[in-house]
Amino acid sequence: MYSLPAYAFIAQDFTTQAALYTHHQYIAGFIMTGAFAHGAIFFIRDYNPEDSK
């Protein structure tokens, strides 16, 4: 039981491997886009020109 891979067919089935990779790449892209957008929002919102003098 413990020697079975997490995804039963990922070692043999290229379609499953490609689909899982693409699926997780999309999720990672969405998370990174959201993180960068929030970072930019906070940089702009919290910018104080008086502190930069």
PDB file of N, CA and C in Angstrom:
ATOM      1  N   MET A   1       0.813  -1.189   0.000  1.00  0.00           N
ATOM      2  CA  MET A   1       0.000   0.000   0.000  1.00  0.00           C
ATOM      3  C   MET A   1       0.860   1.258   0.000  1.00  0.00           C
ATOM      4  N   TYR A   2       1.902   1.278   0.827  1.00  0.00           N
ATOM      5  CA  TYR A   2       2.718   2.479   0.931  1.00  0.00           C
ATOM      6  C   TYR A   2       3.656   2.667  -0.250  1.00  0.00           C
ATOM      7  N   SER A   3       3.820   1.640  -1.071  1.00  0.00           N
ATOM      8  CA  SER A   3       4.709   1.776  -2.220  1.00  0.00           C
ATOM      9  C   SER A   3       3.980   2.291  -3.456  1.00  0.00           C
ATOM     10  N   LEU A   4       2.661   2.472  -3.365  1.00  0.00           N
ATOM     11  CA  LEU A   4       1.924   2.980  -4.521  1.00  0.00           C
ATOM     12  C   LEU A   4       2.175   4.474  -4.689  1.00  0.00           C
ATOM     13  N   PRO A   5       2.323   4.937  -5.933  1.00  0.00           N
ATOM     14  CA  PRO A   5       2.519   6.372  -6.144  1.00  0.00           C
ATOM     15  C   PRO A   5       1.245   7.155  -5.820  1.00  0.00           C
ATOM     16  N   ALA A   6       1.397   8.434  -5.573  1.00  0.00           N
ATOM     17  CA  ALA A   6       0.257   9.267  -5.204  1.00  0.00           C
ATOM     18  C   ALA A   6      -0.788   9.295  -6.321  1.00  0.00           C
ATOM     19  N   TYR A   7      -0.340   9.429  -7.562  1.00  0.00           N
ATOM     20  CA  TYR A   7      -1.233   9.364  -8.713  1.00  0.00           C
ATOM     21  C   TYR A   7      -0.942   8.051  -9.426  1.00  0.00           C
ATOM     22  N   ALA A   8      -1.931   7.180  -9.482  1.00  0.00           N
ATOM     23  CA  ALA A   8      -1.690   5.797  -9.888  1.00  0.00           C
ATOM     24  C   ALA A   8      -1.096   5.671 -11.288  1.00  0.00           C
ATOM     25  N   PHE A   9      -1.477   6.545 -12.218  1.00  0.00           N
ATOM     26  CA  PHE A   9      -1.061   6.354 -13.602  1.00  0.00           C
ATOM     27  C   PHE A   9      -0.075   7.411 -14.080  1.00  0.00           C
ATOM     28  N   ILE A  10       0.436   8.256 -13.201  1.00  0.00           N
ATOM     29  CA  ILE A  10       1.255   9.368 -13.673  1.00  0.00           C
ATOM     30  C   ILE A  10       2.569   8.885 -14.289  1.00  0.00           C
ATOM     31  N   ALA A  11       3.094   7.752 -13.827  1.00  0.00           N
ATOM     32  CA  ALA A  11       4.359   7.270 -14.361  1.00  0.00           C
ATOM     33  C   ALA A  11       4.198   6.732 -15.780  1.00  0.00           C
ATOM     34  N   GLN A  12       3.012   6.199 -16.118  1.00  0.00           N
ATOM     35  CA  GLN A  12       2.821   5.589 -17.426  1.00  0.00           C
ATOM     36  C   GLN A  12       2.010   6.464 -18.375  1.00  0.00           C
ATOM     37  N   ASP A  13       1.124   7.280 -17.839  1.00  0.00           N
ATOM     38  CA  ASP A  13       0.153   7.989 -18.674  1.00  0.00           C
ATOM     39  C   ASP A  13       0.600   9.426 -18.892  1.00  0.00           C
ATOM     40  N   PHE A  14       1.087   9.706 -20.102  1.00  0.00           N
ATOM     41  CA  PHE A  14       1.577  11.051 -20.395  1.00  0.00           C
ATOM     42  C   PHE A  14       0.467  12.083 -20.341  1.00  0.00           C
ATOM     43  N   THR A  15      -0.734  11.721 -20.763  1.00  0.00           N
ATOM     44  CA  THR A  15      -1.848  12.677 -20.755  1.00  0.00           C
ATOM     45  C   THR A  15      -2.154  13.138 -19.339  1.00  0.00           C
ATOM     46  N   THR A  16      -2.173  12.209 -18.395  1.00  0.00           N
ATOM     47  CA  THR A  16      -2.414  12.576 -16.998  1.00  0.00           C
ATOM     48  C   THR A  16      -1.307  13.482 -16.488  1.00  0.00           C
ATOM     49  N   GLN A  17      -0.077  13.143 -16.796  1.00  0.00           N
ATOM     50  CA  GLN A  17       1.063  13.937 -16.347  1.00  0.00           C
ATOM     51  C   GLN A  17       0.982  15.350 -16.914  1.00  0.00           C
ATOM     52  N   ALA A  18       0.695  15.469 -18.208  1.00  0.00           N
ATOM     53  CA  ALA A  18       0.606  16.784 -18.841  1.00  0.00           C
ATOM     54  C   ALA A  18      -0.568  17.585 -18.290  1.00  0.00           C
ATOM     55  N   ALA A  19      -1.693  16.923 -18.061  1.00  0.00           N
ATOM     56  CA  ALA A  19      -2.871  17.624 -17.549  1.00  0.00           C
ATOM     57  C   ALA A  19      -2.630  18.130 -16.127  1.00  0.00           C
ATOM     58  N   LEU A  20      -2.023  17.310 -15.274  1.00  0.00           N
ATOM     59  CA  LEU A  20      -1.733  17.746 -13.905  1.00  0.00           C
ATOM     60  C   LEU A  20      -0.733  18.894 -13.896  1.00  0.00           C
ATOM     61  N   TYR A  21       0.286  18.798 -14.742  1.00  0.00           N
ATOM     62  CA  TYR A  21       1.277  19.878 -14.813  1.00  0.00           C
ATOM     63  C   TYR A  21       0.612  21.181 -15.242  1.00  0.00           C
ATOM     64  N   THR A  22      -0.189  21.137 -16.305  1.00  0.00           N
ATOM     65  CA  THR A  22      -0.854  22.338 -16.805  1.00  0.00           C
ATOM     66  C   THR A  22      -1.806  22.902 -15.758  1.00  0.00           C
ATOM     67  N   HIS A  23      -2.561  22.045 -15.114  1.00  0.00           N
ATOM     68  CA  HIS A  23      -3.511  22.461 -14.086  1.00  0.00           C
ATOM     69  C   HIS A  23      -2.791  23.214 -12.959  1.00  0.00           C
ATOM     70  N   HIS A  24      -1.682  22.668 -12.494  1.00  0.00           N
ATOM     71  CA  HIS A  24      -0.964  23.311 -11.397  1.00  0.00           C
ATOM     72  C   HIS A  24      -0.236  24.566 -11.857  1.00  0.00           C
ATOM     73  N   GLN A  25       0.193  24.614 -13.110  1.00  0.00           N
ATOM     74  CA  GLN A  25       0.806  25.836 -13.628  1.00  0.00           C
ATOM     75  C   GLN A  25      -0.213  26.969 -13.664  1.00  0.00           C
ATOM     76  N   TYR A  26      -1.441  26.657 -14.085  1.00  0.00           N
ATOM     77  CA  TYR A  26      -2.499  27.675 -14.089  1.00  0.00           C
ATOM     78  C   TYR A  26      -2.749  28.191 -12.676  1.00  0.00           C
ATOM     79  N   ILE A  27      -2.860  27.282 -11.714  1.00  0.00           N
ATOM     80  CA  ILE A  27      -3.118  27.696 -10.331  1.00  0.00           C
ATOM     81  C   ILE A  27      -1.972  28.566  -9.817  1.00  0.00           C
ATOM     82  N   ALA A  28      -0.737  28.145 -10.060  1.00  0.00           N
ATOM     83  CA  ALA A  28       0.419  28.924  -9.615  1.00  0.00           C
ATOM     84  C   ALA A  28       0.428  30.298 -10.275  1.00  0.00           C
ATOM     85  N   GLY A  29       0.063  30.353 -11.547  1.00  0.00           N
ATOM     86  CA  GLY A  29       0.009  31.637 -12.243  1.00  0.00           C
ATOM     87  C   GLY A  29      -1.026  32.563 -11.648  1.00  0.00           C
ATOM     88  N   PHE A  30      -2.190  32.014 -11.321  1.00  0.00           N
ATOM     89  CA  PHE A  30      -3.237  32.839 -10.708  1.00  0.00           C
ATOM     90  C   PHE A  30      -2.790  33.352  -9.343  1.00  0.00           C
ATOM     91  N   ILE A  31      -2.173  32.489  -8.552  1.00  0.00           N
ATOM     92  CA  ILE A  31      -1.725  32.902  -7.218  1.00  0.00           C
ATOM     93  C   ILE A  31      -0.646  33.971  -7.325  1.00  0.00           C
ATOM     94  N   MET A  32       0.319  33.779  -8.238  1.00  0.00           N
ATOM     95  CA  MET A  32       1.389  34.761  -8.391  1.00  0.00           C
ATOM     96  C   MET A  32       0.852  36.089  -8.906  1.00  0.00           C
ATOM     97  N   THR A  33      -0.081  36.033  -9.853  1.00  0.00           N
ATOM     98  CA  THR A  33      -0.673  37.267 -10.370  1.00  0.00           C
ATOM     99  C   THR A  33      -1.382  38.024  -9.256  1.00  0.00           C
ATOM    100  N   GLY A  34      -2.130  37.319  -8.444  1.00  0.00           N
ATOM    101  CA  GLY A  34      -2.804  37.959  -7.320  1.00  0.00           C
ATOM    102  C   GLY A  34      -1.822  38.543  -6.324  1.00  0.00           C
ATOM    103  N   ALA A  35      -0.743  37.818  -6.051  1.00  0.00           N
ATOM    104  CA  ALA A  35       0.259  38.312  -5.099  1.00  0.00           C
ATOM    105  C   ALA A  35       0.937  39.569  -5.624  1.00  0.00           C
ATOM    106  N   PHE A  36       1.304  39.571  -6.906  1.00  0.00           N
ATOM    107  CA  PHE A  36       1.947  40.756  -7.485  1.00  0.00           C
ATOM    108  C   PHE A  36       0.984  41.935  -7.519  1.00  0.00           C
ATOM    109  N   ALA A  37      -0.274  41.681  -7.850  1.00  0.00           N
ATOM    110  CA  ALA A  37      -1.261  42.758  -7.897  1.00  0.00           C
ATOM    111  C   ALA A  37      -1.462  43.355  -6.507  1.00  0.00           C
ATOM    112  N   HIS A  38      -1.581  42.500  -5.499  1.00  0.00           N
ATOM    113  CA  HIS A  38      -1.752  43.021  -4.143  1.00  0.00           C
ATOM    114  C   HIS A  38      -0.508  43.780  -3.689  1.00  0.00           C
ATOM    115  N   GLY A  39       0.656  43.271  -4.027  1.00  0.00           N
ATOM    116  CA  GLY A  39       1.884  43.988  -3.681  1.00  0.00           C
ATOM    117  C   GLY A  39       1.920  45.365  -4.307  1.00  0.00           C
ATOM    118  N   ALA A  40       1.545  45.456  -5.588  1.00  0.00           N
ATOM    119  CA  ALA A  40       1.534  46.749  -6.267  1.00  0.00           C
ATOM    120  C   ALA A  40       0.515  47.692  -5.640  1.00  0.00           C
ATOM    121  N   ILE A  41      -0.638  47.163  -5.300  1.00  0.00           N
ATOM    122  CA  ILE A  41      -1.669  47.992  -4.659  1.00  0.00           C
ATOM    123  C   ILE A  41      -1.144  48.561  -3.346  1.00  0.00           C
ATOM    124  N   PHE A  42      -0.500  47.730  -2.540  1.00  0.00           N
ATOM    125  CA  PHE A  42      -0.012  48.205  -1.247  1.00  0.00           C
ATOM    126  C   PHE A  42       1.151  49.172  -1.413  1.00  0.00           C
ATOM    127  N   PHE A  43       2.023  48.932  -2.413  1.00  0.00           N
ATOM    128  CA  PHE A  43       3.109  49.878  -2.661  1.00  0.00           C
ATOM    129  C   PHE A  43       2.557  51.257  -3.003  1.00  0.00           C
ATOM    130  N   ILE A  44       1.552  51.292  -3.869  1.00  0.00           N
ATOM    131  CA  ILE A  44       0.977  52.571  -4.287  1.00  0.00           C
ATOM    132  C   ILE A  44       0.176  53.196  -3.149  1.00  0.00           C
ATOM    133  N   ARG A  45      -0.635  52.403  -2.475  1.00  0.00           N
ATOM    134  CA  ARG A  45      -1.498  52.930  -1.414  1.00  0.00           C
ATOM    135  C   ARG A  45      -0.691  53.468  -0.236  1.00  0.00           C
ATOM    136  N   ASP A  46       0.386  52.776   0.111  1.00  0.00           N
ATOM    137  CA  ASP A  46       1.148  53.139   1.302  1.00  0.00           C
ATOM    138  C   ASP A  46       2.294  54.099   1.017  1.00  0.00           C
ATOM    139  N   TYR A  47       2.446  54.529  -0.246  1.00  0.00           N
ATOM    140  CA  TYR A  47       3.540  55.440  -0.585  1.00  0.00           C
ATOM    141  C   TYR A  47       3.278  56.817   0.002  1.00  0.00           C
ATOM    142  N   ASN A  48       4.282  57.337   0.692  1.00  0.00           N
ATOM    143  CA  ASN A  48       4.180  58.674   1.269  1.00  0.00           C
ATOM    144  C   ASN A  48       5.361  59.495   0.767  1.00  0.00           C
ATOM    145  N   PRO A  49       5.110  60.495  -0.106  1.00  0.00           N
ATOM    146  CA  PRO A  49       6.218  61.284  -0.652  1.00  0.00           C
ATOM    147  C   PRO A  49       7.050  61.978   0.429  1.00  0.00           C
ATOM    148  N   GLU A  50       6.445  62.272   1.566  1.00  0.00           N
ATOM    149  CA  GLU A  50       7.180  62.954   2.636  1.00  0.00           C
ATOM    150  C   GLU A  50       8.291  62.066   3.205  1.00  0.00           C
ATOM    151  N   ASP A  51       8.076  60.762   3.188  1.00  0.00           N
ATOM    152  CA  ASP A  51       9.096  59.850   3.704  1.00  0.00           C
ATOM    153  C   ASP A  51      10.277  59.706   2.755  1.00  0.00           C
ATOM    154  N   SER A  52      10.108  60.105   1.492  1.00  0.00           N
ATOM    155  CA  SER A  52      11.152  59.920   0.485  1.00  0.00           C
ATOM    156  C   SER A  52      12.087  61.117   0.377  1.00  0.00           C
ATOM    157  N   LYS A  53      11.832  62.168   1.144  1.00  0.00           N
ATOM    158  CA  LYS A  53      12.671  63.371   1.037  1.00  0.00           C
ATOM    159  C   LYS A  53      13.950  63.220   1.822  1.00  0.00           C
TER     160      LYS A  53
END
